[in-house]
Amino acid sequence: MRRKATALWNGNLKEGKGNLSTDSTVLDHTQYSFSTRFEDGVGTNPEELLAAAHAG
């Protein structure tokens, strides 16, 4: 089985925003940004996605 994901980022590192989507649509247009990784922003971050994959 092959699964793909896409990610889009707009703006600079600190103030930019992005979203990601997966073929399964479970993560359809999920937000991510500097604040979701280093602060308490709404959305996901790479560490959370890896932790979920590991738990699965």
Protein backbone atom coordinates (compact mmCIF):
# COMPACT_ATOMS: atom_id res chain seq x y z
CA MET A 1 0.00 0.00 0.00
CA ARG A 2 1.28 3.45 -0.85
CA ARG A 3 0.25 6.55 1.05
CA LYS A 4 1.16 10.10 0.17
CA ALA A 5 1.00 13.40 1.96
CA THR A 6 1.35 16.97 0.80
CA ALA A 7 2.45 20.02 2.74
CA LEU A 8 2.20 23.70 1.86
CA TRP A 9 4.01 26.52 3.66
CA ASN A 10 3.44 30.25 3.13
CA GLY A 11 5.54 33.01 4.66
CA ASN A 12 8.70 33.18 6.69
CA LEU A 13 9.71 30.85 9.50
CA LYS A 14 8.35 32.74 12.52
CA GLU A 15 5.15 34.21 11.06
CA GLY A 16 4.37 31.75 8.27
CA LYS A 17 1.65 29.13 8.28
CA GLY A 18 1.10 25.86 6.53
CA ASN A 19 -1.21 22.92 6.19
CA LEU A 20 -0.81 19.28 5.33
CA SER A 21 -3.11 16.68 3.83
CA THR A 22 -2.95 12.92 3.43
CA ASP A 23 -4.49 10.51 0.92
CA SER A 24 -6.77 9.10 3.61
CA THR A 25 -8.08 12.65 4.32
CA VAL A 26 -7.69 12.04 8.07
CA LEU A 27 -5.21 14.91 8.14
CA ASP A 28 -7.00 16.96 5.51
CA HIS A 29 -5.81 20.59 5.72
CA THR A 30 -4.28 20.15 9.18
CA GLN A 31 -2.60 23.38 10.29
CA TYR A 32 0.99 23.75 11.39
CA SER A 33 3.17 26.76 12.16
CA PHE A 34 6.09 27.97 14.23
CA SER A 35 3.78 28.35 17.22
CA THR A 36 2.49 24.76 16.97
CA ARG A 37 6.05 23.49 17.18
CA PHE A 38 7.67 25.85 19.67
CA GLU A 39 4.74 27.43 21.52
CA ASP A 40 1.11 26.54 22.28
CA GLY A 41 -0.49 27.17 18.88
CA VAL A 42 -3.45 25.29 17.43
CA GLY A 43 -2.43 22.56 14.98
CA THR A 44 0.15 19.79 14.82
CA ASN A 45 3.94 19.49 14.70
CA PRO A 46 6.47 16.93 13.45
CA GLU A 47 7.05 15.43 16.90
CA GLU A 48 3.33 14.84 17.42
CA LEU A 49 3.00 13.16 14.03
CA LEU A 50 5.98 10.88 14.71
CA ALA A 51 4.64 9.99 18.16
CA ALA A 52 1.26 9.06 16.66
CA ALA A 53 2.93 6.92 13.98
CA HIS A 54 5.02 5.16 16.61
CA ALA A 55 2.00 4.54 18.82
CA GLY A 56 0.10 3.07 15.87
